Amino acid sequence: MFTIKSDHGLSEAGYDKIIEWARSILPEGNRLKENFYATKSMMKPISLGYQKIDMCPNFCMLYYLENAEMTECMTCGHSRYKPGTGREKTLVTYKKLRYFPITSRLQRLFMSPRTAEHMTWHQSHDAVDGVMVHPSTAKRGNTLIVCILTFQLNQGTCVLGCV
């Protein structure tokens, strides 16, 4: 249900109405949560976190690590915070970046034996000579992926991919 809400942009009130209807047709003693708040509270301990990082509205820099205390962009000079009326207790930034660490997400994929099997298929499958069933069996495809990785590693970036 939580996925349906996010996929279709349902409001909390809409989600609650659907849950109310579903609970009315389910037998007594069902374990379906009664509203969005209860569902969110249940999901919080198992959810994967993210980190909010302030950034320049012109995409010049991130206010992160050694730049975390800066209040103006060192490239364009734009202010980090929106101007306030003086009554606000907290400063509001123009833009935020949400960083989702990949390590915990990959670990989550390998927790289930079924998804772990799919994640390692490219390495453990049996290749039949003359039949390409996946680009990992193609000599030219592997060369292309290695070339892209080599090029991008030289540029200081990295692409997650299967070789």
Protein backbone atom coordinates (compact mmCIF):
# COMPACT_ATOMS: atom_id res chain seq x y z
CA MET A 1 0.00 0.00 0.00
CA PHE A 2 2.84 2.36 0.85
CA THR A 3 4.29 1.86 -2.64
CA ILE A 4 0.92 2.58 -4.28
CA LYS A 5 0.68 5.84 -2.32
CA SER A 6 4.10 7.02 -3.47
CA ASP A 7 3.72 5.76 -7.08
CA HIS A 8 0.40 7.55 -7.62
CA GLY A 9 0.94 10.64 -5.49
CA LEU A 10 -1.90 9.90 -3.06
CA SER A 11 -2.42 12.34 -0.22
CA GLU A 12 -2.41 11.06 3.35
CA ALA A 13 -6.19 11.54 3.49
CA GLY A 14 -6.61 9.48 0.30
CA TYR A 15 -4.37 6.75 1.70
CA ASP A 16 -6.38 6.72 4.94
CA LYS A 17 -9.67 6.36 3.00
CA ILE A 18 -8.33 3.39 1.02
CA ILE A 19 -7.06 1.76 4.23
CA GLU A 20 -10.44 2.38 5.90
CA TRP A 21 -12.21 0.67 2.97
CA ALA A 22 -9.73 -2.25 2.92
CA ARG A 23 -10.12 -2.78 6.68
CA SER A 24 -13.91 -2.85 6.28
CA ILE A 25 -13.78 -5.81 3.88
CA LEU A 26 -11.04 -7.74 5.72
CA PRO A 27 -11.95 -10.17 8.51
CA GLU A 28 -11.82 -9.10 12.17
CA GLY A 29 -8.38 -9.25 13.75
CA ASN A 30 -6.53 -8.33 10.55
CA ARG A 31 -3.11 -6.75 10.99
CA LEU A 32 -3.50 -3.96 8.44
CA LYS A 33 -2.45 -0.64 9.99
CA GLU A 34 -5.31 1.80 10.55
CA ASN A 35 -3.87 4.92 8.87
CA PHE A 36 -0.87 6.48 7.13
CA TYR A 37 0.77 7.59 10.37
CA ALA A 38 0.69 4.04 11.80
CA THR A 39 2.07 2.63 8.53
CA LYS A 40 4.85 5.20 8.44
CA SER A 41 5.71 4.48 12.09
CA MET A 42 5.97 0.77 11.26
CA MET A 43 8.19 1.42 8.20
CA LYS A 44 10.59 3.86 9.89
CA PRO A 45 12.83 1.25 11.61
CA ILE A 46 13.35 -0.69 8.36
CA SER A 47 13.66 2.25 5.97
CA LEU A 48 16.91 3.26 4.36
CA GLY A 49 18.07 6.68 5.43
CA TYR A 50 19.42 9.58 3.48
CA GLN A 51 21.46 12.67 4.20
CA LYS A 52 20.30 16.22 3.44
CA ILE A 53 23.04 18.50 2.15
CA ASP A 54 22.47 22.20 1.46
CA MET A 55 23.55 23.42 -1.96
CA CYS A 56 23.85 26.63 -3.95
CA PRO A 57 20.64 27.41 -5.91
CA ASN A 58 22.83 27.88 -9.01
CA PHE A 59 24.34 24.39 -8.57
CA CYS A 60 27.83 25.81 -7.99
CA MET A 61 28.73 24.06 -4.74
CA LEU A 62 27.62 21.90 -1.84
CA TYR A 63 27.73 23.16 1.72
CA TYR A 64 29.33 19.94 2.92
CA LEU A 65 32.34 18.90 5.01
CA GLU A 66 34.74 21.86 5.11
CA ASN A 67 32.15 24.16 3.49
CA ALA A 68 29.32 23.23 5.88
CA GLU A 69 29.52 26.48 7.86
CA MET A 70 29.61 28.85 4.86
CA THR A 71 26.62 31.17 4.27
CA GLU A 72 27.45 32.31 0.70
CA CYS A 73 28.51 30.44 -2.41
CA MET A 74 32.25 30.78 -3.01
CA THR A 75 31.70 30.73 -6.80
CA CYS A 76 28.73 33.00 -7.49
CA GLY A 77 28.26 34.70 -4.11
CA HIS A 78 24.57 33.70 -3.80
CA SER A 79 23.22 33.46 -0.26
CA ARG A 80 22.70 29.99 1.19
CA TYR A 81 19.53 30.94 3.08
CA LYS A 82 16.28 32.59 2.00
CA PRO A 83 15.76 36.05 3.47
CA GLY A 84 13.49 35.94 6.50
CA THR A 85 11.30 38.43 8.27
CA GLY A 86 13.31 38.06 11.46
CA ARG A 87 10.62 36.12 13.30
CA GLU A 88 11.76 32.67 12.13
CA LYS A 89 13.90 30.65 14.52
CA THR A 90 15.37 28.45 11.80
CA LEU A 91 17.07 29.41 8.57
CA VAL A 92 15.55 28.05 5.36
CA THR A 93 17.93 27.04 2.57
CA TYR A 94 17.25 27.67 -1.11
CA LYS A 95 18.12 24.12 -2.24
CA LYS A 96 18.80 20.76 -0.63
CA LEU A 97 20.44 17.70 -2.07
CA ARG A 98 19.32 14.33 -0.74
CA TYR A 99 22.17 11.82 -0.72
CA PHE A 100 21.12 8.17 -0.65
CA PRO A 101 24.14 6.00 0.30
CA ILE A 102 24.38 3.00 -2.00
CA THR A 103 26.12 0.61 0.42
CA SER A 104 23.10 -0.04 2.64
CA ARG A 105 20.86 -0.42 -0.41
CA LEU A 106 23.15 -3.05 -1.95
CA GLN A 107 23.32 -4.87 1.39
CA ARG A 108 19.52 -4.89 1.49
CA LEU A 109 19.42 -6.45 -1.99
CA PHE A 110 21.77 -9.24 -0.91
CA MET A 111 19.73 -10.03 2.25
CA SER A 112 17.14 -11.98 0.27
CA PRO A 113 18.44 -15.19 -1.36
CA ARG A 114 16.15 -14.57 -4.35
CA THR A 115 17.44 -11.09 -5.13
CA ALA A 116 21.02 -12.11 -4.29
CA GLU A 117 20.74 -14.78 -6.98
CA HIS A 118 19.61 -12.15 -9.50
CA MET A 119 22.40 -9.77 -8.43
CA THR A 120 25.10 -12.39 -9.11
CA TRP A 121 23.52 -13.99 -12.18
CA HIS A 122 25.89 -12.31 -14.64
CA GLN A 123 28.83 -14.03 -12.98
CA SER A 124 27.35 -17.46 -12.23
CA HIS A 125 25.28 -18.21 -15.36
CA ASP A 126 26.39 -20.79 -17.92
CA ALA A 127 27.24 -19.27 -21.28
CA VAL A 128 26.41 -21.29 -24.40
CA ASP A 129 28.88 -20.77 -27.25
CA GLY A 130 27.34 -18.84 -30.11
CA VAL A 131 24.24 -17.79 -28.18
CA MET A 132 24.08 -14.39 -26.58
CA VAL A 133 21.56 -14.41 -23.73
CA HIS A 134 22.91 -11.36 -21.91
CA PRO A 135 25.39 -8.62 -22.85
CA SER A 136 27.83 -10.10 -20.31
CA THR A 137 28.41 -12.96 -22.77
CA ALA A 138 29.36 -10.61 -25.59
CA LYS A 139 33.06 -9.84 -26.03
CA ARG A 140 32.37 -6.45 -27.58
CA GLY A 141 29.94 -5.42 -24.80
CA ASN A 142 32.48 -6.16 -22.07
CA THR A 143 35.12 -4.14 -23.89
CA LEU A 144 32.73 -1.21 -24.17
CA ILE A 145 31.86 -1.30 -20.45
CA VAL A 146 35.55 -1.54 -19.49
CA CYS A 147 36.37 1.40 -21.79
CA ILE A 148 33.62 3.53 -20.28
CA LEU A 149 34.71 2.67 -16.74
CA THR A 150 38.36 3.37 -17.58
CA PHE A 151 37.49 6.70 -19.18
CA GLN A 152 35.26 7.79 -16.32
CA LEU A 153 37.69 6.64 -13.65
CA ASN A 154 40.31 8.83 -15.30
CA GLN A 155 37.88 11.75 -15.02
CA GLY A 156 37.52 11.16 -11.26
CA THR A 157 34.07 9.60 -11.36
CA CYS A 158 32.85 6.04 -11.20
CA VAL A 159 29.87 4.23 -12.73
CA LEU A 160 28.29 1.23 -11.05
CA GLY A 161 28.02 -1.55 -13.60
CA CYS A 162 28.59 -5.20 -14.32
CA VAL A 163 31.77 -6.33 -16.03
